[in-house]
Amino acid sequence: MLDIRNGRIARPERYHDLYWKLVDPNTPQKPRPDTNEIIALTDLLRQAGFTEQELELVLEAEKQSNALVLIEAEAMNMAQGRYLDAQGTYARLDTPNRERASQMLYDDKYTQGIIATAKPLDEFAVLVEQRLANLVQAAQKAERYAGMLFLSLMVLSLALIGL
């Protein structure tokens, strides 16, 4: 999932549509085939026209999310009895500690990480909603102007025909 987000592996077809809800953990089969598209989420957002301010918030959320991933990886490995070694890999084997692993995913550090990830995403949503509301308002104003112009030209045409 992180490799897809970061543009390291191909994005599955219709990845935005409940993809992970369709994955059966008991079978290796993917619910949909991969596309040939290998592109980071932030690049997709740039292509879609999101502003730099909006993208900065997404990047901040991504940074915070990456910190959570480290905690999650440590907890999952700890539950299986694998611990970080001097090289920074989970190659050191010891007794699994499922209780501590579970606690790691519910402690204050993890909870604060979730909040730190959600805050910039909330700000992102507010900025996007404001920008889109402004665009809708501008389009509505242009529509009214075009309607008045049309009516004015219609009245002028009728007046010229009547002469």
Protein backbone atom coordinates (compact mmCIF):
# COMPACT_ATOMS: atom_id res chain seq x y z
CA MET A 1 0.00 0.00 0.00
CA LEU A 2 2.81 2.43 0.86
CA ASP A 3 4.70 1.40 -2.28
CA ILE A 4 1.61 2.27 -4.35
CA ARG A 5 1.19 5.61 -2.55
CA ASN A 6 4.87 6.44 -3.06
CA GLY A 7 4.89 5.44 -6.73
CA ARG A 8 7.21 2.44 -6.39
CA ILE A 9 4.84 -0.19 -7.78
CA ALA A 10 1.90 -0.21 -10.19
CA ARG A 11 -1.46 1.13 -9.12
CA PRO A 12 -4.30 -1.43 -9.41
CA GLU A 13 -7.31 -0.69 -11.62
CA ARG A 14 -9.90 1.49 -9.87
CA TYR A 15 -7.62 1.61 -6.81
CA HIS A 16 -9.66 4.48 -5.37
CA ASP A 17 -12.80 2.26 -5.22
CA LEU A 18 -12.79 0.13 -2.05
CA TYR A 19 -9.81 -1.87 -3.33
CA TRP A 20 -8.52 -2.99 0.08
CA LYS A 21 -12.00 -3.97 1.29
CA LEU A 22 -12.03 -6.57 -1.51
CA VAL A 23 -8.68 -8.16 -0.62
CA ASP A 24 -9.09 -11.56 1.01
CA PRO A 25 -6.16 -12.05 3.42
CA ASN A 26 -6.48 -15.83 3.00
CA THR A 27 -5.77 -15.83 -0.75
CA PRO A 28 -3.00 -14.08 -2.65
CA GLN A 29 -5.31 -13.19 -5.54
CA LYS A 30 -5.78 -9.46 -6.22
CA PRO A 31 -9.37 -8.25 -6.62
CA ARG A 32 -8.39 -6.31 -9.77
CA PRO A 33 -5.35 -6.37 -12.06
CA ASP A 34 -2.62 -3.73 -11.86
CA THR A 35 -2.40 -0.91 -14.35
CA ASN A 36 0.82 0.23 -16.01
CA GLU A 37 0.60 3.43 -13.94
CA ILE A 38 3.45 3.83 -11.48
CA ILE A 39 3.02 7.28 -9.95
CA ALA A 40 3.10 8.74 -6.47
CA LEU A 41 -0.12 10.02 -4.95
CA THR A 42 1.36 13.51 -4.60
CA ASP A 43 2.14 13.55 -8.34
CA LEU A 44 -1.45 12.52 -9.09
CA LEU A 45 -2.66 15.38 -6.89
CA ARG A 46 -0.38 17.83 -8.74
CA GLN A 47 -1.72 16.61 -12.08
CA ALA A 48 -5.28 17.08 -10.78
CA GLY A 49 -4.56 20.75 -10.06
CA PHE A 50 -4.33 20.86 -6.28
CA THR A 51 -2.54 23.97 -5.02
CA GLU A 52 0.91 23.96 -3.44
CA GLN A 53 -0.63 24.89 -0.08
CA GLU A 54 -2.97 21.89 -0.33
CA LEU A 55 -0.11 19.61 -1.36
CA GLU A 56 2.01 20.78 1.60
CA LEU A 57 -0.74 19.60 3.93
CA VAL A 58 -0.88 16.20 2.21
CA LEU A 59 2.91 15.90 2.51
CA GLU A 60 2.73 16.75 6.22
CA ALA A 61 0.05 14.08 6.73
CA GLU A 62 2.21 11.61 4.79
CA LYS A 63 5.20 12.41 7.02
CA GLN A 64 3.11 11.82 10.13
CA SER A 65 1.65 8.64 8.64
CA ASN A 66 5.14 7.32 7.94
CA ALA A 67 5.95 7.69 11.65
CA LEU A 68 2.90 5.55 12.44
CA VAL A 69 4.06 2.93 9.94
CA LEU A 70 7.28 2.52 11.91
CA ILE A 71 5.32 1.87 15.11
CA GLU A 72 3.02 -0.57 13.28
CA ALA A 73 5.96 -2.45 11.76
CA GLU A 74 7.64 -2.72 15.15
CA ALA A 75 4.44 -3.99 16.77
CA MET A 76 3.74 -6.56 14.04
CA ASN A 77 7.29 -7.87 14.20
CA MET A 78 7.29 -7.90 18.02
CA ALA A 79 4.12 -10.02 17.98
CA GLN A 80 6.02 -12.55 15.86
CA GLY A 81 9.17 -12.45 18.00
CA ARG A 82 11.28 -10.37 15.60
CA TYR A 83 13.12 -7.32 16.93
CA LEU A 84 15.34 -4.61 15.48
CA ASP A 85 19.02 -5.49 15.32
CA ALA A 86 22.06 -3.19 15.05
CA GLN A 87 21.56 -2.92 11.27
CA GLY A 88 18.00 -1.69 11.68
CA THR A 89 16.34 -4.86 10.38
CA TYR A 90 13.97 -7.18 12.18
CA ALA A 91 16.43 -10.07 12.17
CA ARG A 92 16.93 -10.46 15.94
CA LEU A 93 14.71 -13.29 17.18
CA ASP A 94 13.33 -13.46 20.71
CA THR A 95 10.13 -14.34 22.54
CA PRO A 96 7.03 -12.82 20.90
CA ASN A 97 5.39 -10.13 22.99
CA ARG A 98 1.85 -9.81 21.65
CA GLU A 99 0.61 -7.89 24.68
CA ARG A 100 3.22 -5.13 24.32
CA ALA A 101 2.71 -5.10 20.54
CA SER A 102 -1.01 -4.54 21.02
CA GLN A 103 -0.38 -1.81 23.60
CA MET A 104 1.86 0.02 21.14
CA LEU A 105 -1.10 0.45 18.79
CA TYR A 106 -3.30 1.95 21.51
CA ASP A 107 -0.90 4.04 23.58
CA ASP A 108 -0.68 7.85 23.71
CA LYS A 109 2.21 8.04 21.24
CA TYR A 110 0.23 6.18 18.60
CA THR A 111 -2.97 8.12 19.33
CA GLN A 112 -1.09 11.41 19.03
CA GLY A 113 0.36 10.17 15.74
CA ILE A 114 -3.12 9.52 14.40
CA ILE A 115 -4.19 13.02 15.42
CA ALA A 116 -1.04 14.52 13.88
CA THR A 117 -1.87 12.71 10.63
CA ALA A 118 -5.53 13.74 10.65
CA LYS A 119 -5.03 17.47 11.37
CA PRO A 120 -3.32 18.38 8.08
CA LEU A 121 -5.82 16.20 6.18
CA ASP A 122 -8.67 18.12 7.82
CA GLU A 123 -7.02 21.44 6.86
CA PHE A 124 -6.54 20.08 3.33
CA ALA A 125 -10.25 19.25 3.09
CA VAL A 126 -11.22 22.74 4.31
CA LEU A 127 -8.92 24.42 1.75
CA VAL A 128 -10.22 22.26 -1.10
CA GLU A 129 -13.84 22.92 -0.11
CA GLN A 130 -13.19 26.68 0.05
CA ARG A 131 -11.40 26.71 -3.31
CA LEU A 132 -14.17 24.69 -4.97
CA ALA A 133 -16.88 26.88 -3.41
CA ASN A 134 -15.10 29.96 -4.81
CA LEU A 135 -14.93 28.32 -8.25
CA VAL A 136 -18.64 27.47 -8.13
CA GLN A 137 -19.46 31.02 -7.06
CA ALA A 138 -17.38 32.45 -9.93
CA ALA A 139 -19.06 30.10 -12.42
CA GLN A 140 -22.50 31.11 -11.16
CA LYS A 141 -21.57 34.79 -11.51
CA ALA A 142 -20.33 34.18 -15.06
CA GLU A 143 -23.55 32.31 -15.87
CA ARG A 144 -25.65 35.26 -14.64
CA TYR A 145 -23.54 37.68 -16.67
CA ALA A 146 -23.89 35.53 -19.79
CA GLY A 147 -27.66 35.32 -19.26
CA MET A 148 -27.98 39.10 -18.94
CA LEU A 149 -25.79 39.58 -22.00
CA PHE A 150 -27.96 37.15 -23.97
CA LEU A 151 -31.16 38.93 -22.93
CA SER A 152 -29.65 42.32 -23.76
CA LEU A 153 -28.61 41.12 -27.20
CA MET A 154 -32.05 39.59 -27.73
CA VAL A 155 -33.78 42.89 -26.85
CA LEU A 156 -31.33 44.81 -29.08
CA SER A 157 -31.95 42.36 -31.96
CA LEU A 158 -35.71 42.68 -31.57
CA ALA A 159 -35.41 46.47 -31.47
CA LEU A 160 -33.29 46.48 -34.64
CA ILE A 161 -35.70 44.16 -36.43
CA GLY A 162 -38.61 46.36 -35.42
CA LEU A 163 -37.04 49.46 -37.01
